[in-house]
C-alpha atoms as a PDB file:
ATOM      1  CA  MET A   1       0.000   0.000   0.000  1.00  0.00           C
ATOM      2  CA  THR A   2       1.209   3.470  -0.769  1.00  0.00           C
ATOM      3  CA  SER A   3       0.821   6.450   1.504  1.00  0.00           C
ATOM      4  CA  GLN A   4      -1.053   9.568   0.433  1.00  0.00           C
ATOM      5  CA  HIS A   5       0.811  12.862   0.539  1.00  0.00           C
ATOM      6  CA  ALA A   6      -0.420  15.668  -1.635  1.00  0.00           C
ATOM      7  CA  ASP A   7       1.892  18.038  -3.433  1.00  0.00           C
ATOM      8  CA  ILE A   8       0.597  21.302  -2.010  1.00  0.00           C
ATOM      9  CA  ALA A   9       2.359  23.306  -4.719  1.00  0.00           C
ATOM     10  CA  GLY A  10       0.031  21.866  -7.343  1.00  0.00           C
ATOM     11  CA  VAL A  11      -3.171  22.147  -5.321  1.00  0.00           C
ATOM     12  CA  PRO A  12      -5.669  25.025  -5.433  1.00  0.00           C
ATOM     13  CA  ALA A  13      -5.276  27.494  -2.591  1.00  0.00           C
ATOM     14  CA  SER A  14      -8.775  26.696  -1.337  1.00  0.00           C
ATOM     15  CA  ARG A  15      -7.752  23.130  -0.476  1.00  0.00           C
ATOM     16  CA  THR A  16      -4.266  23.844   0.868  1.00  0.00           C
ATOM     17  CA  PRO A  17      -5.354  24.500   4.498  1.00  0.00           C
ATOM     18  CA  LEU A  18      -7.439  21.322   4.466  1.00  0.00           C
ATOM     19  CA  ILE A  19      -4.526  19.231   3.223  1.00  0.00           C
ATOM     20  CA  ARG A  20      -2.272  20.701   5.886  1.00  0.00           C
ATOM     21  CA  LEU A  21      -4.925  19.861   8.470  1.00  0.00           C
ATOM     22  CA  VAL A  22      -5.355  16.183   7.552  1.00  0.00           C
ATOM     23  CA  GLU A  23      -1.582  15.719   7.232  1.00  0.00           C
ATOM     24  CA  SER A  24      -0.711  17.563  10.445  1.00  0.00           C
ATOM     25  CA  ARG A  25       0.863  15.626  13.279  1.00  0.00           C
ATOM     26  CA  TRP A  26      -1.667  16.686  15.903  1.00  0.00           C
ATOM     27  CA  PHE A  27      -4.597  15.643  13.686  1.00  0.00           C
ATOM     28  CA  ASN A  28      -3.198  12.159  13.124  1.00  0.00           C
ATOM     29  CA  ARG A  29      -2.360  11.793  16.803  1.00  0.00           C
ATOM     30  CA  LEU A  30      -5.919  12.782  17.681  1.00  0.00           C
ATOM     31  CA  ILE A  31      -7.333  10.164  15.303  1.00  0.00           C
ATOM     32  CA  MET A  32      -4.949   7.560  16.713  1.00  0.00           C
ATOM     33  CA  ALA A  33      -6.048   8.349  20.278  1.00  0.00           C
ATOM     34  CA  LEU A  34      -9.722   8.140  19.284  1.00  0.00           C
ATOM     35  CA  ILE A  35      -9.159   4.762  17.608  1.00  0.00           C
ATOM     36  CA  ILE A  36      -7.541   3.403  20.780  1.00  0.00           C
ATOM     37  CA  ILE A  37     -10.327   4.763  22.991  1.00  0.00           C
ATOM     38  CA  ASN A  38     -12.931   3.368  20.593  1.00  0.00           C
ATOM     39  CA  ALA A  39     -11.260  -0.048  20.820  1.00  0.00           C
ATOM     40  CA  VAL A  40     -11.675   0.071  24.597  1.00  0.00           C
ATOM     41  CA  THR A  41     -15.323   1.138  24.372  1.00  0.00           C
ATOM     42  CA  LEU A  42     -16.069  -1.638  21.868  1.00  0.00           C
ATOM     43  CA  GLY A  43     -14.668  -4.170  24.309  1.00  0.00           C
ATOM     44  CA  LEU A  44     -16.716  -2.694  27.148  1.00  0.00           C
ATOM     45  CA  GLU A  45     -19.836  -2.689  24.984  1.00  0.00           C
ATOM     46  CA  THR A  46     -19.302  -6.379  24.237  1.00  0.00           C
ATOM     47  CA  GLU A  47     -19.157  -7.139  27.954  1.00  0.00           C
ATOM     48  CA  LEU A  48     -21.906  -4.727  29.029  1.00  0.00           C
ATOM     49  CA  ALA A  49     -24.206  -4.864  26.000  1.00  0.00           C
ATOM     50  CA  TYR A  50     -27.233  -5.809  28.109  1.00  0.00           C
ATOM     51  CA  HIS A  51     -26.454  -3.546  31.047  1.00  0.00           C
ATOM     52  CA  PRO A  52     -29.457  -1.236  31.613  1.00  0.00           C
ATOM     53  CA  THR A  53     -27.338   1.924  31.840  1.00  0.00           C
ATOM     54  CA  TRP A  54     -23.908   1.326  30.333  1.00  0.00           C
ATOM     55  CA  GLY A  55     -25.143  -0.632  27.328  1.00  0.00           C
ATOM     56  CA  SER A  56     -27.083   2.284  25.832  1.00  0.00           C
ATOM     57  CA  MET A  57     -24.392   4.811  26.745  1.00  0.00           C
ATOM     58  CA  LEU A  58     -21.630   2.794  25.093  1.00  0.00           C
ATOM     59  CA  TYR A  59     -23.780   2.287  22.000  1.00  0.00           C
ATOM     60  CA  TRP A  60     -24.233   6.008  21.442  1.00  0.00           C
ATOM     61  CA  LEU A  61     -20.600   6.673  22.303  1.00  0.00           C
ATOM     62  CA  ASP A  62     -19.633   4.240  19.557  1.00  0.00           C
ATOM     63  CA  LYS A  63     -21.864   6.144  17.130  1.00  0.00           C
ATOM     64  CA  ALA A  64     -20.072   9.360  18.096  1.00  0.00           C
ATOM     65  CA  PHE A  65     -16.687   7.794  17.355  1.00  0.00           C
ATOM     66  CA  LEU A  66     -17.966   6.512  14.023  1.00  0.00           C
ATOM     67  CA  SER A  67     -19.204   9.999  13.145  1.00  0.00           C
ATOM     68  CA  VAL A  68     -15.763  11.467  13.860  1.00  0.00           C
ATOM     69  CA  PHE A  69     -14.070   8.827  11.701  1.00  0.00           C
ATOM     70  CA  THR A  70     -16.559   9.520   8.922  1.00  0.00           C
ATOM     71  CA  ILE A  71     -15.788  13.232   9.079  1.00  0.00           C
ATOM     72  CA  GLU A  72     -12.079  12.408   8.909  1.00  0.00           C
ATOM     73  CA  VAL A  73     -12.527  10.330   5.748  1.00  0.00           C
ATOM     74  CA  ALA A  74     -14.781  13.013   4.250  1.00  0.00           C
ATOM     75  CA  LEU A  75     -12.154  15.694   4.922  1.00  0.00           C
ATOM     76  CA  LYS A  76      -9.523  13.600   3.162  1.00  0.00           C
ATOM     77  CA  LEU A  77     -11.870  13.032   0.234  1.00  0.00           C
ATOM     78  CA  VAL A  78     -12.406  16.766  -0.140  1.00  0.00           C
ATOM     79  CA  ALA A  79      -8.705  17.525   0.311  1.00  0.00           C
ATOM     80  CA  TYR A  80      -7.282  14.925  -2.059  1.00  0.00           C
ATOM     81  CA  ARG A  81     -10.226  14.521  -4.467  1.00  0.00           C
ATOM     82  CA  GLN A  82      -9.450  11.739  -6.971  1.00  0.00           C
ATOM     83  CA  ARG A  83      -5.967  11.244  -5.519  1.00  0.00           C
ATOM     84  CA  PHE A  84      -7.591   9.929  -2.354  1.00  0.00           C
ATOM     85  CA  PHE A  85      -8.155   6.563  -4.030  1.00  0.00           C
ATOM     86  CA  SER A  86      -4.557   6.293  -5.237  1.00  0.00           C
ATOM     87  CA  SER A  87      -3.536   5.199  -1.741  1.00  0.00           C
ATOM     88  CA  GLY A  88      -4.219   1.679  -0.560  1.00  0.00           C
ATOM     89  CA  TRP A  89      -4.402   2.889   3.032  1.00  0.00           C
ATOM     90  CA  ASN A  90      -7.129   5.384   2.112  1.00  0.00           C
ATOM     91  CA  TRP A  91      -9.075   2.562   0.463  1.00  0.00           C
ATOM     92  CA  PHE A  92      -8.649   0.569   3.658  1.00  0.00           C
ATOM     93  CA  ASP A  93      -9.986   3.409   5.832  1.00  0.00           C
ATOM     94  CA  PHE A  94     -12.852   4.076   3.418  1.00  0.00           C
ATOM     95  CA  ILE A  95     -14.008   0.436   3.442  1.00  0.00           C
ATOM     96  CA  ILE A  96     -13.673  -0.001   7.214  1.00  0.00           C
ATOM     97  CA  VAL A  97     -15.579   3.194   8.048  1.00  0.00           C
ATOM     98  CA  GLY A  98     -18.164   2.665   5.318  1.00  0.00           C
ATOM     99  CA  ALA A  99     -18.876  -0.919   6.412  1.00  0.00           C
ATOM    100  CA  SER A 100     -19.437   0.306   9.972  1.00  0.00           C
ATOM    101  CA  TRP A 101     -22.540   2.197   8.784  1.00  0.00           C
ATOM    102  CA  LEU A 102     -24.235  -0.951   7.467  1.00  0.00           C
ATOM    103  CA  PRO A 103     -27.383  -1.798   9.457  1.00  0.00           C
ATOM    104  CA  ALA A 104     -26.571  -4.283  12.206  1.00  0.00           C
ATOM    105  CA  SER A 105     -30.060  -5.548  12.989  1.00  0.00           C
ATOM    106  CA  GLY A 106     -32.063  -8.582  11.968  1.00  0.00           C
ATOM    107  CA  PRO A 107     -30.170 -10.924   9.641  1.00  0.00           C
ATOM    108  CA  LEU A 108     -27.262  -8.452   9.535  1.00  0.00           C
ATOM    109  CA  ALA A 109     -26.803  -8.410  13.324  1.00  0.00           C
ATOM    110  CA  VAL A 110     -23.646 -10.480  12.935  1.00  0.00           C
ATOM    111  CA  LEU A 111     -22.015  -7.444  11.294  1.00  0.00           C
ATOM    112  CA  ARG A 112     -21.855  -5.755  14.697  1.00  0.00           C
ATOM    113  CA  ALA A 113     -19.002  -8.097  15.575  1.00  0.00           C
ATOM    114  CA  PHE A 114     -16.944  -6.733  12.671  1.00  0.00           C
ATOM    115  CA  ARG A 115     -16.897  -3.223  14.118  1.00  0.00           C
ATOM    116  CA  ILE A 116     -13.754  -4.219  15.992  1.00  0.00           C
ATOM    117  CA  PHE A 117     -11.976  -4.096  12.625  1.00  0.00           C
ATOM    118  CA  ARG A 118     -11.946  -0.331  13.122  1.00  0.00           C
ATOM    119  CA  VAL A 119      -9.001  -0.894  15.455  1.00  0.00           C
ATOM    120  CA  LEU A 120      -7.017  -2.046  12.410  1.00  0.00           C
ATOM    121  CA  ARG A 121      -7.075   1.566  11.223  1.00  0.00           C
ATOM    122  CA  LEU A 122      -4.120   2.070  13.547  1.00  0.00           C
ATOM    123  CA  PHE A 123      -2.108   0.435  10.774  1.00  0.00           C
ATOM    124  CA  SER A 124      -2.895   3.349   8.467  1.00  0.00           C
ATOM    125  CA  VAL A 125      -2.378   6.055  11.108  1.00  0.00           C
ATOM    126  CA  VAL A 126       0.891   4.928  12.729  1.00  0.00           C
ATOM    127  CA  PRO A 127       3.828   5.134  10.264  1.00  0.00           C
ATOM    128  CA  GLN A 128       5.803   2.418  12.063  1.00  0.00           C
ATOM    129  CA  MET A 129       2.897   0.000  11.722  1.00  0.00           C
ATOM    130  CA  ARG A 130       2.577   0.888   8.041  1.00  0.00           C
ATOM    131  CA  LYS A 131       6.213  -0.080   7.581  1.00  0.00           C
ATOM    132  CA  VAL A 132       5.652  -3.453   9.250  1.00  0.00           C
ATOM    133  CA  ILE A 133       2.621  -4.196   7.081  1.00  0.00           C
ATOM    134  CA  GLY A 134       4.522  -3.030   4.011  1.00  0.00           C
ATOM    135  CA  ALA A 135       7.416  -5.317   4.912  1.00  0.00           C
ATOM    136  CA  LEU A 136       5.022  -8.241   5.232  1.00  0.00           C
ATOM    137  CA  GLY A 137       3.637  -7.444   1.799  1.00  0.00           C
ATOM    138  CA  HIS A 138       7.122  -7.232   0.272  1.00  0.00           C
ATOM    139  CA  SER A 139       8.084 -10.542   1.886  1.00  0.00           C
ATOM    140  CA  LEU A 140       5.095 -12.500   0.540  1.00  0.00           C
ATOM    141  CA  PRO A 141       6.958 -13.897  -2.514  1.00  0.00           C
ATOM    142  CA  GLY A 142       9.770 -15.177  -0.310  1.00  0.00           C
ATOM    143  CA  ILE A 143       7.333 -16.539   2.258  1.00  0.00           C
ATOM    144  CA  GLY A 144       5.469 -18.313  -0.537  1.00  0.00           C
ATOM    145  CA  SER A 145       8.685 -20.017  -1.620  1.00  0.00           C
ATOM    146  CA  ILE A 146       9.401 -21.156   1.927  1.00  0.00           C
ATOM    147  CA  LEU A 147       5.846 -22.456   2.311  1.00  0.00           C
ATOM    148  CA  SER A 148       6.265 -24.418  -0.919  1.00  0.00           C
ATOM    149  CA  VAL A 149       9.458 -26.022   0.373  1.00  0.00           C
ATOM    150  CA  LEU A 150       7.774 -26.693   3.711  1.00  0.00           C
ATOM    151  CA  GLY A 151       4.756 -28.245   1.973  1.00  0.00           C
ATOM    152  CA  ILE A 152       6.958 -30.618  -0.024  1.00  0.00           C
ATOM    153  CA  LEU A 153       8.874 -31.522   3.131  1.00  0.00           C
ATOM    154  CA  PHE A 154       5.630 -32.190   5.002  1.00  0.00           C
ATOM    155  CA  TYR A 155       4.239 -34.352   2.216  1.00  0.00           C
ATOM    156  CA  VAL A 156       7.382 -36.482   1.952  1.00  0.00           C
ATOM    157  CA  SER A 157       7.589 -36.794   5.740  1.00  0.00           C
ATOM    158  CA  ALA A 158       3.883 -37.647   6.060  1.00  0.00           C
ATOM    159  CA  VAL A 159       4.172 -40.453   3.502  1.00  0.00           C
ATOM    160  CA  LEU A 160       7.311 -41.716   5.233  1.00  0.00           C
ATOM    161  CA  VAL A 161       5.900 -41.857   8.782  1.00  0.00           C
ATOM    162  CA  THR A 162       2.643 -43.356   7.509  1.00  0.00           C
ATOM    163  CA  LYS A 163       4.664 -46.197   5.993  1.00  0.00           C
ATOM    164  CA  LEU A 164       6.938 -46.562   9.022  1.00  0.00           C
ATOM    165  CA  PHE A 165       4.564 -46.083  11.948  1.00  0.00           C
ATOM    166  CA  GLY A 166       1.016 -46.131  10.592  1.00  0.00           C
ATOM    167  CA  GLN A 167       0.988 -49.877   9.910  1.00  0.00           C
ATOM    168  CA  HIS A 168       1.361 -50.726  13.602  1.00  0.00           C
ATOM    169  CA  PRO A 169      -1.842 -52.004  15.284  1.00  0.00           C
ATOM    170  CA  ASP A 170      -1.384 -49.723  18.299  1.00  0.00           C
ATOM    171  CA  PRO A 171      -4.394 -47.324  18.580  1.00  0.00           C
ATOM    172  CA  ASN A 172      -2.147 -44.295  19.042  1.00  0.00           C
ATOM    173  CA  MET A 173      -0.141 -45.143  15.943  1.00  0.00           C
ATOM    174  CA  GLN A 174      -3.353 -45.529  13.984  1.00  0.00           C
ATOM    175  CA  GLU A 175      -4.646 -42.190  15.277  1.00  0.00           C
ATOM    176  CA  TRP A 176      -1.419 -40.269  14.699  1.00  0.00           C
ATOM    177  CA  PHE A 177      -0.020 -41.915  11.579  1.00  0.00           C
ATOM    178  CA  GLY A 178      -2.826 -44.049  10.149  1.00  0.00           C
ATOM    179  CA  THR A 179      -3.344 -41.857   7.081  1.00  0.00           C
ATOM    180  CA  ILE A 180      -1.320 -39.231   5.252  1.00  0.00           C
ATOM    181  CA  GLY A 181      -3.672 -36.507   6.514  1.00  0.00           C
ATOM    182  CA  ALA A 182      -3.365 -37.698  10.118  1.00  0.00           C
ATOM    183  CA  SER A 183       0.416 -37.903   9.758  1.00  0.00           C
ATOM    184  CA  ALA A 184       0.602 -34.374   8.327  1.00  0.00           C
ATOM    185  CA  TYR A 185      -1.464 -33.008  11.221  1.00  0.00           C
ATOM    186  CA  THR A 186       0.703 -34.871  13.754  1.00  0.00           C
ATOM    187  CA  LEU A 187       3.859 -33.534  12.132  1.00  0.00           C
ATOM    188  CA  PHE A 188       2.407 -30.023  12.250  1.00  0.00           C
ATOM    189  CA  GLN A 189       1.822 -30.461  15.991  1.00  0.00           C
ATOM    190  CA  ILE A 190       5.409 -31.646  16.386  1.00  0.00           C
ATOM    191  CA  MET A 191       6.681 -28.650  14.400  1.00  0.00           C
ATOM    192  CA  THR A 192       4.858 -26.259  16.755  1.00  0.00           C
ATOM    193  CA  LEU A 193       6.486 -28.090  19.711  1.00  0.00           C
ATOM    194  CA  GLU A 194       3.054 -28.590  21.276  1.00  0.00           C
ATOM    195  CA  SER A 195       3.331 -31.711  23.512  1.00  0.00           C
ATOM    196  CA  TRP A 196       5.666 -33.177  20.928  1.00  0.00           C
ATOM    197  CA  SER A 197       7.921 -35.088  23.330  1.00  0.00           C
ATOM    198  CA  MET A 198       5.724 -36.629  26.022  1.00  0.00           C
ATOM    199  CA  GLY A 199       2.604 -36.592  23.866  1.00  0.00           C
ATOM    200  CA  ILE A 200       3.855 -38.130  20.598  1.00  0.00           C
ATOM    201  CA  VAL A 201       7.565 -38.855  20.249  1.00  0.00           C
ATOM    202  CA  ARG A 202       8.189 -40.785  23.479  1.00  0.00           C
ATOM    203  CA  PRO A 203       5.132 -43.056  23.035  1.00  0.00           C
ATOM    204  CA  THR A 204       6.303 -43.675  19.469  1.00  0.00           C
ATOM    205  CA  MET A 205       9.820 -44.483  20.674  1.00  0.00           C
ATOM    206  CA  GLU A 206       8.416 -47.154  22.988  1.00  0.00           C
ATOM    207  CA  LEU A 207       7.315 -49.036  19.873  1.00  0.00           C
ATOM    208  CA  PHE A 208      10.029 -47.782  17.491  1.00  0.00           C
ATOM    209  CA  PRO A 209      13.192 -47.081  19.550  1.00  0.00           C
ATOM    210  CA  TYR A 210      15.060 -45.490  16.640  1.00  0.00           C
ATOM    211  CA  SER A 211      12.233 -43.177  15.585  1.00  0.00           C
ATOM    212  CA  TRP A 212      14.131 -40.283  17.152  1.00  0.00           C
ATOM    213  CA  LEU A 213      16.438 -40.434  14.138  1.00  0.00           C
ATOM    214  CA  PHE A 214      13.524 -39.010  12.135  1.00  0.00           C
ATOM    215  CA  PHE A 215      11.876 -36.702  14.671  1.00  0.00           C
ATOM    216  CA  VAL A 216      14.967 -34.813  15.876  1.00  0.00           C
ATOM    217  CA  PRO A 217      16.151 -33.711  12.389  1.00  0.00           C
ATOM    218  CA  PHE A 218      12.536 -32.940  11.436  1.00  0.00           C
ATOM    219  CA  ILE A 219      12.168 -30.592  14.415  1.00  0.00           C
ATOM    220  CA  ILE A 220      15.532 -28.931  13.756  1.00  0.00           C
ATOM    221  CA  VAL A 221      14.682 -28.267  10.112  1.00  0.00           C
ATOM    222  CA  THR A 222      11.039 -27.221  10.455  1.00  0.00           C
ATOM    223  CA  SER A 223      10.956 -25.486  13.848  1.00  0.00           C
ATOM    224  CA  PHE A 224      14.289 -23.692  13.830  1.00  0.00           C
ATOM    225  CA  ALA A 225      15.729 -23.432  10.325  1.00  0.00           C
ATOM    226  CA  VAL A 226      12.459 -22.556   8.574  1.00  0.00           C
ATOM    227  CA  LEU A 227      11.448 -20.125  11.332  1.00  0.00           C
ATOM    228  CA  ASN A 228      14.747 -18.282  10.947  1.00  0.00           C
ATOM    229  CA  LEU A 229      14.184 -18.148   7.192  1.00  0.00           C
ATOM    230  CA  PHE A 230      10.807 -16.463   7.776  1.00  0.00           C
ATOM    231  CA  ILE A 231      12.404 -13.903  10.092  1.00  0.00           C
ATOM    232  CA  GLY A 232      15.279 -13.300   7.689  1.00  0.00           C
ATOM    233  CA  ILE A 233      12.966 -12.658   4.739  1.00  0.00           C
ATOM    234  CA  ILE A 234      10.843 -10.178   6.706  1.00  0.00           C
ATOM    235  CA  VAL A 235      13.911  -8.338   8.032  1.00  0.00           C
ATOM    236  CA  ASP A 236      15.361  -8.192   4.512  1.00  0.00           C
ATOM    237  CA  ALA A 237      12.059  -6.796   3.196  1.00  0.00           C
ATOM    238  CA  MET A 238      12.089  -4.070   5.862  1.00  0.00           C
ATOM    239  CA  GLN A 239      15.664  -3.176   4.905  1.00  0.00           C
ATOM    240  CA  VAL A 240      14.672  -2.922   1.246  1.00  0.00           C
ATOM    241  CA  MET A 241      11.782  -0.620   2.171  1.00  0.00           C
ATOM    242  CA  GLN A 242      14.101   1.604   4.207  1.00  0.00           C
ATOM    243  CA  ASP A 243      16.556   1.807   1.305  1.00  0.00           C
ATOM    244  CA  GLU A 244      13.732   2.758  -1.065  1.00  0.00           C
ATOM    245  CA  GLU A 245      12.536   5.430   1.355  1.00  0.00           C
ATOM    246  CA  LYS A 246      16.052   6.862   1.601  1.00  0.00           C
ATOM    247  CA  ALA A 247      16.322   6.932  -2.187  1.00  0.00           C
ATOM    248  CA  GLU A 248      12.963   8.736  -2.516  1.00  0.00           C
ATOM    249  CA  HIS A 249      13.644  11.277   0.255  1.00  0.00           C
ATOM    250  CA  PRO A 250      17.415  11.801   0.484  1.00  0.00           C
ATOM    251  CA  GLU A 251      16.953  15.251   1.983  1.00  0.00           C
ATOM    252  CA  THR A 252      15.386  13.757   5.119  1.00  0.00           C
ATOM    253  CA  GLN A 253      18.298  11.417   5.821  1.00  0.00           C
ATOM    254  CA  PRO A 254      20.978  12.297   8.381  1.00  0.00           C
ATOM    255  CA  ALA A 255      24.308  13.422   7.022  1.00  0.00           C
ATOM    256  CA  SER A 256      27.068  10.850   6.708  1.00  0.00           C
ATOM    257  CA  LYS A 257      30.284  10.964   8.710  1.00  0.00           C
ATOM    258  CA  GLU A 258      32.190  12.340   5.722  1.00  0.00           C
ATOM    259  CA  ASP A 259      29.638  15.127   5.291  1.00  0.00           C
ATOM    260  CA  MET A 260      29.920  16.046   8.959  1.00  0.00           C
ATOM    261  CA  VAL A 261      33.735  16.188   8.767  1.00  0.00           C
ATOM    262  CA  ALA A 262      33.591  18.378   5.649  1.00  0.00           C
ATOM    263  CA  LEU A 263      31.060  20.686   7.301  1.00  0.00           C
ATOM    264  CA  GLN A 264      33.228  20.956  10.395  1.00  0.00           C
ATOM    265  CA  GLN A 265      36.254  21.907   8.281  1.00  0.00           C
ATOM    266  CA  GLN A 266      34.236  24.557   6.483  1.00  0.00           C
ATOM    267  CA  LEU A 267      33.136  26.023   9.812  1.00  0.00           C
ATOM    268  CA  ILE A 268      36.749  26.124  11.034  1.00  0.00           C
ATOM    269  CA  GLU A 269      37.844  27.873   7.845  1.00  0.00           C
ATOM    270  CA  LEU A 270      34.989  30.361   8.145  1.00  0.00           C
ATOM    271  CA  ARG A 271      35.967  31.096  11.731  1.00  0.00           C
ATOM    272  CA  ARG A 272      39.556  31.768  10.676  1.00  0.00           C
ATOM    273  CA  LEU A 273      38.407  34.192   7.987  1.00  0.00           C
ATOM    274  CA  LEU A 274      36.207  36.038  10.469  1.00  0.00           C
ATOM    275  CA  GLU A 275      39.048  36.284  12.989  1.00  0.00           C
ATOM    276  CA  ALA A 276      41.398  37.543  10.269  1.00  0.00           C
ATOM    277  CA  ASP A 277      38.907  40.207   9.173  1.00  0.00           C
ATOM    278  CA  SER A 278      38.331  41.351  12.735  1.00  0.00           C
ATOM    279  CA  GLY A 279      42.095  41.509  13.339  1.00  0.00           C
ATOM    280  CA  GLN A 280      42.645  43.669  10.261  1.00  0.00           C
ATOM    281  CA  ALA A 281      39.854  46.008  11.305  1.00  0.00           C
ATOM    282  CA  ALA A 282      41.339  46.400  14.769  1.00  0.00           C
ATOM    283  CA  SER A 283      44.824  47.180  13.404  1.00  0.00           C
ATOM    284  CA  LYS A 284      43.661  50.060  11.170  1.00  0.00           C
ATOM    285  CA  PRO A 285      44.832  53.519  12.375  1.00  0.00           C
ATOM    286  CA  GLY A 286      42.209  55.765  13.833  1.00  0.00           C
ATOM    287  CA  THR A 287      40.209  52.922  15.274  1.00  0.00           C
ATOM    288  CA  ARG A 288      38.686  53.876  18.586  1.00  0.00           C
ATOM    289  CA  ASP A 289      37.924  51.563  21.464  1.00  0.00           C
END
């Protein structure tokens, strides 16, 4: 998703104050605070929906928050006009706020539960969260490749353990490894390290003492190696995004060490010139103290 920032130089003067308003820091902080407070009130409304006093109060308070968010989106629509829809985050806000106005009564009462999605608007308001979501989006191709490798590994392993352990008449072996689907689910549980030792591997080792030769490498590869690959891809995607941001806005980046040294030398030279000029002025005849 791309962020929306209007070029004020090419915007009519009538819309310039509005653009400055919706892009101001205090405005975005206000919206962020309201989203957080609204998240709390939605949770309270869920707990106290049938309370004789608080239920009605929280309902109307939620409507007030929704009205503020609607005004915010409307202001951005007026400020950006057609450029509003060039940003994926603006589309996200527009859909979330618009869906909140759908009637939540009768057969559509289930839609009331989806109001909590308004909290996700924090992703569009907080720049750091936008970067994380953007990094996840950039890392999807790499994650897809890892999932493909993991899927092949799971399929081969599921067929293998079904052949090795699933033929045993023990009820646990039949439940865990009786079919390829059951084996894949059991291997997934082992990968997540959920009761893998006492729950599955040790009972299996009682019947197949050397089964650890399969389970230990499987855990090392799937739980540790693949997990680190996921982390590495996401970190690399965030680094790529930071490099792209630096390339797009070089003027906002801090000066390098070489630039600082050069600037310091220029300041020293300027100071020497000023001292020399002041010394010459003081040495001229007729100068009074």
